[in-house]
N, C-alpha and C. Protein backbone atom coordinates (compact mmCIF):
# COMPACT_ATOMS: atom_id res chain seq x y z
N UNK A 1 17.98 -22.41 9.03
CA UNK A 1 17.51 -21.04 9.01
C UNK A 1 16.13 -21.00 9.63
N UNK A 2 15.97 -20.20 10.64
CA UNK A 2 14.69 -20.09 11.33
C UNK A 2 13.99 -18.79 10.94
N UNK A 3 12.70 -18.85 10.92
CA UNK A 3 11.90 -17.66 10.65
C UNK A 3 11.62 -16.99 11.98
N UNK A 4 11.90 -15.68 12.03
CA UNK A 4 11.62 -14.97 13.27
C UNK A 4 10.66 -13.82 12.99
N UNK A 5 9.86 -13.52 13.99
CA UNK A 5 8.85 -12.47 13.90
C UNK A 5 9.48 -11.16 14.34
N UNK A 6 9.53 -10.18 13.43
CA UNK A 6 10.19 -8.91 13.71
C UNK A 6 9.14 -7.81 13.88
N UNK A 7 8.99 -7.29 15.09
CA UNK A 7 8.02 -6.23 15.35
C UNK A 7 8.57 -4.84 15.02
N UNK A 8 9.83 -4.74 14.68
CA UNK A 8 10.46 -3.47 14.38
C UNK A 8 11.19 -3.56 13.04
N UNK A 9 10.43 -3.51 11.91
CA UNK A 9 11.09 -3.64 10.61
C UNK A 9 11.91 -2.41 10.28
N UNK A 10 12.88 -2.58 9.41
CA UNK A 10 13.73 -1.48 8.99
C UNK A 10 12.97 -0.58 8.00
N UNK A 11 13.41 0.65 7.89
CA UNK A 11 12.77 1.61 6.97
C UNK A 11 12.82 1.13 5.51
N UNK A 12 13.96 0.64 5.03
CA UNK A 12 13.97 0.15 3.64
C UNK A 12 12.96 -0.97 3.39
N UNK A 13 12.79 -1.86 4.35
CA UNK A 13 11.83 -2.94 4.18
C UNK A 13 10.41 -2.39 4.10
N UNK A 14 10.09 -1.43 4.94
CA UNK A 14 8.76 -0.81 4.91
C UNK A 14 8.53 -0.12 3.57
N UNK A 15 9.53 0.59 3.06
CA UNK A 15 9.40 1.30 1.79
C UNK A 15 9.23 0.31 0.64
N UNK A 16 9.99 -0.76 0.64
CA UNK A 16 9.87 -1.76 -0.42
C UNK A 16 8.48 -2.39 -0.43
N UNK A 17 7.98 -2.74 0.73
CA UNK A 17 6.64 -3.33 0.81
C UNK A 17 5.59 -2.32 0.37
N UNK A 18 5.75 -1.05 0.76
CA UNK A 18 4.80 -0.02 0.34
C UNK A 18 4.80 0.14 -1.18
N UNK A 19 5.98 0.12 -1.80
CA UNK A 19 6.05 0.22 -3.25
C UNK A 19 5.41 -0.99 -3.94
N UNK A 20 5.64 -2.16 -3.38
CA UNK A 20 5.02 -3.37 -3.95
C UNK A 20 3.50 -3.33 -3.82
N UNK A 21 3.01 -2.83 -2.68
CA UNK A 21 1.56 -2.69 -2.51
C UNK A 21 0.98 -1.69 -3.51
N UNK A 22 1.70 -0.58 -3.72
CA UNK A 22 1.23 0.39 -4.71
C UNK A 22 1.18 -0.23 -6.10
N UNK A 23 2.24 -0.93 -6.46
CA UNK A 23 2.28 -1.57 -7.79
C UNK A 23 1.16 -2.58 -7.95
N UNK A 24 0.91 -3.36 -6.91
CA UNK A 24 -0.17 -4.33 -6.97
C UNK A 24 -1.53 -3.64 -7.08
N UNK A 25 -1.74 -2.61 -6.28
CA UNK A 25 -3.01 -1.89 -6.31
C UNK A 25 -3.25 -1.17 -7.62
N UNK A 26 -2.19 -0.82 -8.32
CA UNK A 26 -2.31 -0.14 -9.61
C UNK A 26 -2.42 -1.12 -10.76
N UNK A 27 -1.58 -2.13 -10.77
CA UNK A 27 -1.48 -3.02 -11.93
C UNK A 27 -2.61 -4.03 -12.05
N UNK A 28 -3.08 -4.56 -10.93
CA UNK A 28 -4.12 -5.59 -11.01
C UNK A 28 -5.40 -5.06 -11.65
N UNK A 29 -5.93 -3.90 -11.21
CA UNK A 29 -7.13 -3.40 -11.91
C UNK A 29 -6.86 -3.05 -13.38
N UNK A 30 -5.69 -2.50 -13.67
CA UNK A 30 -5.37 -2.17 -15.06
C UNK A 30 -5.28 -3.44 -15.91
N UNK A 31 -4.71 -4.47 -15.35
CA UNK A 31 -4.62 -5.75 -16.06
C UNK A 31 -6.00 -6.33 -16.32
N UNK A 32 -6.89 -6.19 -15.35
CA UNK A 32 -8.26 -6.69 -15.50
C UNK A 32 -8.96 -5.99 -16.66
N UNK A 33 -8.78 -4.69 -16.76
CA UNK A 33 -9.42 -3.94 -17.85
C UNK A 33 -8.84 -4.36 -19.20
N UNK A 34 -7.52 -4.50 -19.28
CA UNK A 34 -6.92 -4.88 -20.56
C UNK A 34 -7.28 -6.31 -20.95
N UNK A 35 -7.57 -7.15 -19.99
CA UNK A 35 -8.02 -8.51 -20.30
C UNK A 35 -9.39 -8.51 -20.95
N UNK A 36 -10.15 -7.44 -20.75
CA UNK A 36 -11.46 -7.31 -21.39
C UNK A 36 -11.34 -6.81 -22.83
N UNK A 37 -10.10 -6.53 -23.25
CA UNK A 37 -9.87 -6.13 -24.64
C UNK A 37 -10.02 -4.64 -24.88
N UNK A 38 -9.89 -3.84 -23.84
CA UNK A 38 -9.98 -2.40 -24.04
C UNK A 38 -8.92 -1.70 -23.22
N UNK A 39 -8.65 -0.46 -23.60
CA UNK A 39 -7.66 0.36 -22.90
C UNK A 39 -8.37 1.17 -21.82
N UNK A 40 -7.81 1.27 -20.61
CA UNK A 40 -8.47 2.03 -19.55
C UNK A 40 -8.65 3.51 -19.92
N UNK A 41 -9.78 4.06 -19.51
CA UNK A 41 -10.07 5.47 -19.75
C UNK A 41 -9.35 6.33 -18.70
N UNK A 42 -9.22 7.63 -18.96
CA UNK A 42 -8.51 8.49 -17.99
C UNK A 42 -9.07 8.44 -16.58
N UNK A 43 -10.37 8.39 -16.44
CA UNK A 43 -10.95 8.32 -15.09
C UNK A 43 -10.60 7.01 -14.41
N UNK A 44 -10.43 5.96 -15.17
CA UNK A 44 -10.03 4.67 -14.59
C UNK A 44 -8.58 4.72 -14.12
N UNK A 45 -7.71 5.41 -14.87
CA UNK A 45 -6.31 5.56 -14.43
C UNK A 45 -6.25 6.29 -13.10
N UNK A 46 -7.07 7.34 -12.96
CA UNK A 46 -7.11 8.09 -11.70
C UNK A 46 -7.60 7.19 -10.57
N UNK A 47 -8.60 6.37 -10.87
CA UNK A 47 -9.12 5.44 -9.87
C UNK A 47 -8.07 4.43 -9.45
N UNK A 48 -7.28 3.94 -10.39
CA UNK A 48 -6.20 3.00 -10.07
C UNK A 48 -5.20 3.63 -9.11
N UNK A 49 -4.79 4.85 -9.43
CA UNK A 49 -3.81 5.54 -8.58
C UNK A 49 -4.39 5.81 -7.19
N UNK A 50 -5.63 6.27 -7.15
CA UNK A 50 -6.26 6.57 -5.87
C UNK A 50 -6.40 5.31 -5.02
N UNK A 51 -6.84 4.21 -5.62
CA UNK A 51 -6.97 2.95 -4.89
C UNK A 51 -5.64 2.44 -4.38
N UNK A 52 -4.61 2.55 -5.19
CA UNK A 52 -3.27 2.11 -4.78
C UNK A 52 -2.75 2.99 -3.66
N UNK A 53 -3.02 4.28 -3.73
CA UNK A 53 -2.57 5.19 -2.67
C UNK A 53 -3.27 4.88 -1.35
N UNK A 54 -4.53 4.54 -1.41
CA UNK A 54 -5.26 4.16 -0.19
C UNK A 54 -4.62 2.92 0.44
N UNK A 55 -4.25 1.94 -0.37
CA UNK A 55 -3.58 0.76 0.17
C UNK A 55 -2.27 1.11 0.87
N UNK A 56 -1.48 1.97 0.25
CA UNK A 56 -0.20 2.35 0.83
C UNK A 56 -0.39 3.14 2.12
N UNK A 57 -1.33 4.07 2.12
CA UNK A 57 -1.58 4.86 3.33
C UNK A 57 -2.05 3.97 4.47
N UNK A 58 -2.94 3.04 4.18
CA UNK A 58 -3.40 2.11 5.21
C UNK A 58 -2.25 1.29 5.76
N UNK A 59 -1.37 0.83 4.89
CA UNK A 59 -0.20 0.06 5.33
C UNK A 59 0.71 0.91 6.21
N UNK A 60 1.00 2.13 5.78
CA UNK A 60 1.91 2.98 6.53
C UNK A 60 1.32 3.44 7.87
N UNK A 61 0.01 3.54 7.96
CA UNK A 61 -0.62 3.93 9.21
C UNK A 61 -0.41 2.89 10.31
N UNK A 62 -0.11 1.66 9.93
CA UNK A 62 0.13 0.63 10.95
C UNK A 62 1.40 0.90 11.73
N UNK A 63 2.27 1.76 11.22
CA UNK A 63 3.53 2.03 11.90
C UNK A 63 3.50 3.30 12.73
N UNK A 64 2.37 4.00 12.74
CA UNK A 64 2.26 5.20 13.55
C UNK A 64 1.85 4.84 14.97
N UNK A 65 2.41 5.54 15.92
CA UNK A 65 2.02 5.34 17.30
C UNK A 65 1.12 6.48 17.75
N UNK A 66 0.05 6.16 18.40
CA UNK A 66 -0.87 7.17 18.88
C UNK A 66 -0.75 7.27 20.39
N UNK A 67 -0.69 8.49 20.88
CA UNK A 67 -0.57 8.71 22.32
C UNK A 67 -1.88 9.28 22.85
N UNK A 68 -2.33 8.75 23.93
CA UNK A 68 -3.50 9.29 24.60
C UNK A 68 -3.05 10.37 25.59
N UNK A 69 -3.95 11.22 26.04
CA UNK A 69 -3.55 12.23 27.03
C UNK A 69 -2.95 11.62 28.30
N UNK A 70 -3.39 10.43 28.66
CA UNK A 70 -2.85 9.77 29.85
C UNK A 70 -1.38 9.37 29.65
N UNK A 71 -1.01 9.03 28.41
CA UNK A 71 0.37 8.63 28.11
C UNK A 71 1.34 9.81 28.24
N UNK A 72 0.86 11.01 28.00
CA UNK A 72 1.72 12.18 27.99
C UNK A 72 1.98 12.72 29.39
N UNK A 73 1.27 12.24 30.39
CA UNK A 73 1.47 12.72 31.76
C UNK A 73 2.69 12.13 32.40
């Protein structure tokens, strides 16, 4: 079995990776807080969601193609 580099991933693969990134971005900070022996406050929950969303958006932006005015001619 050989490993091959795929520049055109399928949509389900992109969605699965995006969900895993969101889960990681949400759970790791929450786990860190609970390891300190306290429950996260509401503002911290919002911060977890916001940080995880930023990770997902950054990941998904890698799949967008940008066209310059020269490309459209």
